[in-house]
N, C-alpha and C. Protein backbone atom coordinates (compact mmCIF):
# COMPACT_ATOMS: atom_id res chain seq x y z
N MET A 1 17.25 4.06 -11.09
CA MET A 1 15.87 3.83 -10.85
C MET A 1 15.56 2.77 -10.11
N GLU A 2 14.57 2.95 -9.15
CA GLU A 2 14.33 1.63 -8.57
C GLU A 2 13.18 0.88 -9.49
N ASP A 3 13.20 -0.30 -9.57
CA ASP A 3 11.66 -1.14 -10.03
C ASP A 3 10.53 -1.15 -9.61
N GLY A 4 9.59 -1.40 -10.22
CA GLY A 4 8.46 -0.74 -9.67
C GLY A 4 7.39 0.09 -10.53
N PHE A 5 6.66 0.32 -10.02
CA PHE A 5 5.61 1.58 -10.61
C PHE A 5 5.33 2.76 -9.39
N VAL A 6 4.43 3.58 -10.20
CA VAL A 6 4.02 4.84 -9.50
C VAL A 6 2.42 4.62 -9.87
N ILE A 7 2.07 4.83 -8.40
CA ILE A 7 0.44 5.19 -8.45
C ILE A 7 0.25 6.51 -7.98
N ASP A 8 -0.50 7.56 -9.04
CA ASP A 8 -0.65 8.78 -8.44
C ASP A 8 -2.37 8.89 -8.42
N ASN A 9 -2.61 10.26 -8.13
CA ASN A 9 -3.90 10.92 -8.46
C ASN A 9 -3.45 12.50 -8.25
N GLU A 10 -4.85 13.03 -7.86
CA GLU A 10 -4.88 14.66 -7.62
C GLU A 10 -4.29 15.07 -6.20
N PHE A 11 -4.14 13.84 -5.23
CA PHE A 11 -3.77 14.03 -3.71
C PHE A 11 -2.56 13.57 -3.74
N ALA A 12 -2.22 12.25 -4.21
CA ALA A 12 -0.72 11.77 -3.85
C ALA A 12 -0.37 11.12 -4.80
N ALA A 13 1.08 11.02 -4.73
CA ALA A 13 2.00 10.02 -5.51
C ALA A 13 2.61 9.28 -5.25
N VAL A 14 2.89 7.88 -4.94
CA VAL A 14 3.86 6.85 -4.36
C VAL A 14 4.80 5.83 -5.42
N ARG A 15 5.30 5.29 -4.97
CA ARG A 15 6.28 4.51 -5.64
C ARG A 15 6.83 3.49 -4.97
N VAL A 16 5.99 2.32 -5.79
CA VAL A 16 5.74 0.95 -4.87
C VAL A 16 6.79 0.19 -5.39
N THR A 17 8.01 -0.83 -4.96
CA THR A 17 8.52 -1.67 -5.25
C THR A 17 8.40 -3.08 -4.14
N CYS A 18 9.28 -4.08 -4.74
CA CYS A 18 8.89 -4.90 -3.42
C CYS A 18 10.45 -5.45 -3.10
N ASP A 19 10.57 -5.36 -1.43
CA ASP A 19 12.14 -5.28 -1.01
C ASP A 19 12.28 -6.61 -0.92
N ARG A 20 13.33 -7.22 -0.98
CA ARG A 20 13.46 -8.62 -0.51
C ARG A 20 14.86 -8.96 -0.10
N GLN A 21 15.07 -7.86 0.85
CA GLN A 21 16.38 -7.61 1.35
C GLN A 21 15.99 -8.35 2.58
N GLY A 22 14.89 -8.29 3.45
CA GLY A 22 14.73 -9.00 4.90
C GLY A 22 14.65 -10.47 4.69
N ASN A 23 13.86 -11.25 6.08
CA ASN A 23 13.80 -12.66 5.35
C ASN A 23 12.16 -12.89 4.76
N SER A 24 11.63 -11.80 4.54
CA SER A 24 10.62 -12.16 3.39
C SER A 24 10.64 -11.19 2.37
N PRO A 25 9.65 -11.55 1.40
CA PRO A 25 9.43 -9.93 0.60
C PRO A 25 8.27 -9.18 1.30
N ARG A 26 8.77 -7.69 1.48
CA ARG A 26 8.05 -6.76 1.79
C ARG A 26 7.86 -5.49 0.53
N LEU A 27 6.69 -5.25 1.01
CA LEU A 27 6.37 -3.90 -0.03
C LEU A 27 6.58 -2.94 0.49
N LYS A 28 7.44 -1.90 -0.46
CA LYS A 28 8.17 -0.61 -0.14
C LYS A 28 7.48 0.42 -1.02
N ILE A 29 6.36 1.24 -0.20
CA ILE A 29 5.96 2.53 -0.50
C ILE A 29 6.70 3.77 -0.24
N THR A 30 6.89 4.05 -1.56
CA THR A 30 7.80 5.73 -0.49
C THR A 30 6.82 7.15 -1.39
N ASP A 31 6.53 7.85 -0.57
CA ASP A 31 5.44 9.06 -0.90
C ASP A 31 6.85 10.19 -1.90
N LEU A 32 6.45 10.26 -2.97
CA LEU A 32 6.85 10.88 -4.03
C LEU A 32 7.20 12.32 -3.66
N ARG A 33 6.33 12.98 -2.65
CA ARG A 33 6.62 14.02 -2.29
C ARG A 33 7.58 14.41 -1.00
N SER A 34 7.53 13.84 -0.10
CA SER A 34 8.34 14.14 1.46
C SER A 34 9.74 12.56 1.14
N GLY A 35 9.56 11.73 0.03
CA GLY A 35 10.53 10.61 0.37
C GLY A 35 10.59 9.48 1.44
N LYS A 36 9.36 10.04 1.99
CA LYS A 36 9.16 8.99 3.22
C LYS A 36 9.03 7.61 2.88
N SER A 37 9.48 6.56 3.34
CA SER A 37 8.75 4.97 2.37
C SER A 37 8.42 4.10 4.03
N GLY A 38 7.58 3.71 3.95
CA GLY A 38 7.33 2.49 4.81
C GLY A 38 7.21 1.31 3.78
N TRP A 39 7.25 0.10 4.87
CA TRP A 39 7.01 -1.37 4.30
C TRP A 39 6.17 -2.07 4.95
N LEU A 40 5.33 -2.90 3.88
CA LEU A 40 4.22 -4.20 4.53
C LEU A 40 4.48 -5.00 4.08
N ASP A 41 4.31 -6.06 5.04
CA ASP A 41 4.69 -7.18 4.79
C ASP A 41 3.18 -7.98 4.16
N ALA A 42 3.23 -9.33 4.27
CA ALA A 42 1.89 -10.38 3.53
C ALA A 42 1.00 -10.30 4.64
N LEU A 43 1.14 -10.21 5.85
CA LEU A 43 0.19 -10.27 6.87
C LEU A 43 -0.95 -8.83 6.97
N GLU A 44 0.28 -7.73 6.84
CA GLU A 44 -0.04 -6.40 6.99
C GLU A 44 -0.72 -6.04 5.56
N LEU A 45 -0.85 -6.51 4.60
CA LEU A 45 -1.31 -6.51 3.22
C LEU A 45 -2.49 -7.10 3.03
N GLU A 46 -2.80 -8.40 3.68
CA GLU A 46 -3.71 -8.98 3.56
C GLU A 46 -4.63 -8.86 4.48
N THR A 47 -4.21 -8.00 5.90
CA THR A 47 -5.25 -7.11 6.49
C THR A 47 -6.07 -6.14 5.93
N LEU A 48 -5.16 -5.10 5.31
CA LEU A 48 -5.66 -4.00 4.52
C LEU A 48 -6.84 -4.41 3.57
N ALA A 49 -6.28 -5.83 3.03
CA ALA A 49 -7.76 -6.64 1.82
C ALA A 49 -8.72 -6.76 2.48
N TRP A 50 -8.82 -7.25 3.81
CA TRP A 50 -9.98 -7.39 4.60
C TRP A 50 -10.79 -6.03 4.99
N LEU A 51 -9.97 -5.08 5.03
CA LEU A 51 -10.75 -3.30 5.64
C LEU A 51 -11.45 -2.97 4.90
N ARG A 52 -12.75 -2.29 5.32
CA ARG A 52 -13.75 -1.66 4.76
C ARG A 52 -13.33 -0.32 4.63
N HIS A 53 -13.30 0.56 3.67
CA HIS A 53 -13.16 2.29 3.50
C HIS A 53 -13.26 2.70 4.51
N GLU A 54 -14.57 2.33 5.16
CA GLU A 54 -14.99 3.56 6.40
C GLU A 54 -13.76 2.90 7.50
N GLU A 55 -13.17 2.12 7.84
CA GLU A 55 -12.40 1.77 8.89
C GLU A 55 -11.21 2.43 8.73
N ILE A 56 -10.89 2.93 7.22
CA ILE A 56 -9.26 3.58 7.15
C ILE A 56 -9.56 4.87 6.80
N ALA A 57 -10.69 5.22 6.49
CA ALA A 57 -11.17 6.78 6.47
C ALA A 57 -10.31 7.85 6.99
N HIS A 58 -10.32 7.66 8.19
CA HIS A 58 -9.71 8.88 8.70
C HIS A 58 -8.19 8.78 8.74
N LEU A 59 -7.28 7.88 8.54
CA LEU A 59 -6.33 7.75 8.53
C LEU A 59 -5.99 8.53 6.90
N VAL A 60 -6.74 8.42 5.81
CA VAL A 60 -6.08 8.72 4.25
C VAL A 60 -6.44 9.70 4.21
N ASP A 61 -7.03 10.82 5.05
CA ASP A 61 -7.81 11.87 4.74
C ASP A 61 -6.33 13.14 5.05
N PRO A 62 -6.02 13.48 3.95
CA PRO A 62 -4.49 14.22 4.11
C PRO A 62 -4.54 15.87 4.46
N SER A 63 -6.16 16.21 4.64
CA SER A 63 -6.24 17.45 5.36
C SER A 63 -6.03 17.12 7.02
N ALA A 64 -5.89 16.05 7.47
CA ALA A 64 -5.78 15.92 8.81
C ALA A 64 -4.67 15.92 9.00
N SER A 65 -3.38 15.71 8.22
CA SER A 65 -1.82 16.09 8.86
C SER A 65 -0.97 16.05 7.63
N ARG A 66 -1.29 15.74 6.48
CA ARG A 66 -0.26 15.96 5.32
C ARG A 66 -0.29 16.99 5.02
N TRP A 67 -1.62 17.98 4.82
CA TRP A 67 -1.77 19.41 4.43
C TRP A 67 -1.92 20.51 5.41
N ALA A 68 -1.71 19.79 6.60
CA ALA A 68 -1.66 20.65 7.61
C ALA A 68 -1.11 21.90 7.78
N ASP A 69 0.31 21.99 7.36
CA ASP A 69 1.37 23.13 7.02
C ASP A 69 0.68 24.25 6.12
N GLY A 70 -0.63 24.17 5.17
CA GLY A 70 -0.79 25.01 4.23
C GLY A 70 -0.15 24.96 2.95
N ARG A 71 1.09 24.04 2.79
CA ARG A 71 1.80 24.24 1.88
C ARG A 71 1.29 22.94 0.55
N ASP A 72 1.34 23.72 -0.64
CA ASP A 72 0.84 23.18 -1.69
C ASP A 72 1.66 22.58 -2.69
N GLU A 73 2.59 21.65 -2.24
CA GLU A 73 4.18 21.18 -3.00
C GLU A 73 3.45 20.60 -4.15
N HIS A 74 4.11 20.98 -5.56
CA HIS A 74 4.02 19.86 -6.11
C HIS A 74 4.99 19.23 -6.92
N VAL A 75 4.65 17.95 -7.23
CA VAL A 75 5.42 16.73 -7.14
C VAL A 75 5.36 16.61 -8.66
N VAL A 76 7.20 16.23 -8.70
CA VAL A 76 7.37 16.27 -10.12
C VAL A 76 7.59 14.28 -10.38
N LEU A 77 7.25 13.93 -10.92
CA LEU A 77 6.98 12.52 -11.29
C LEU A 77 8.41 11.80 -12.34
N GLU A 78 8.64 11.05 -11.89
CA GLU A 78 9.73 10.14 -12.17
C GLU A 78 9.25 9.56 -14.06
N PRO A 79 9.78 9.42 -15.02
CA PRO A 79 8.76 8.65 -16.26
C PRO A 79 8.78 7.22 -15.52
N GLY A 80 7.95 6.48 -15.64
CA GLY A 80 7.97 5.22 -15.45
C GLY A 80 6.49 4.33 -15.64
N PRO A 81 6.39 3.18 -15.26
CA PRO A 81 4.91 2.44 -15.06
C PRO A 81 3.88 2.88 -14.48
N ARG A 82 2.47 3.53 -14.57
CA ARG A 82 1.87 4.10 -13.59
C ARG A 82 0.68 3.04 -13.17
N VAL A 83 0.07 2.82 -12.03
CA VAL A 83 -1.35 2.26 -12.27
C VAL A 83 -2.32 3.27 -11.36
N ARG A 84 -3.65 3.61 -12.12
CA ARG A 84 -4.35 4.62 -11.48
C ARG A 84 -5.57 3.67 -11.23
N PHE A 85 -5.66 3.82 -9.69
CA PHE A 85 -7.33 2.68 -9.35
C PHE A 85 -8.46 3.70 -9.04
N GLY A 86 -9.57 3.45 -9.61
CA GLY A 86 -10.72 4.31 -9.39
C GLY A 86 -11.38 3.81 -8.31
N ALA A 87 -12.93 4.09 -7.97
CA ALA A 87 -13.61 3.53 -6.79
C ALA A 87 -13.67 1.80 -6.77
N PRO A 88 -13.76 1.51 -5.39
CA PRO A 88 -13.73 0.17 -5.11
C PRO A 88 -14.83 -0.47 -5.96
N PRO A 89 -14.66 -1.70 -6.26
CA PRO A 89 -15.24 -2.40 -6.02
C PRO A 89 -16.51 -2.80 -5.57
N ALA A 90 -17.79 -2.78 -6.62
CA ALA A 90 -19.39 -2.58 -5.70
C ALA A 90 -19.16 -3.58 -4.58
N GLU A 91 -18.78 -4.96 -4.71
CA GLU A 91 -19.24 -6.00 -3.95
C GLU A 91 -18.10 -5.50 -2.22
N ARG A 92 -17.35 -4.50 -2.49
CA ARG A 92 -16.12 -4.04 -1.54
C ARG A 92 -16.88 -2.93 -0.51
N VAL A 93 -17.81 -2.19 -1.25
CA VAL A 93 -18.69 -1.00 -1.03
C VAL A 93 -19.67 -1.29 0.18
N ARG A 94 -19.52 -0.82 1.67
CA ARG A 94 -20.64 -1.43 2.41
C ARG A 94 -21.12 -0.15 3.12
């Protein structure tokens, strides 16, 4: 099993790890339902930190793409550390 942690809620479950294989460390994010992975470098992560939730809402709506086929697959999570995030801090909400 890879190092890292799982972040999950009722809509999604992902494993987050640090990939040090390239020129600089990147965050590897793997969708536990599909197995699809993506990587984010420091600049991409900084950009996400500056975005307001309204700016990415259309990208994170699962009904727009991931649930479009009507399937409701059950995700079996591996044991391991989990991080759950709640609502964004009040100072980020605009």
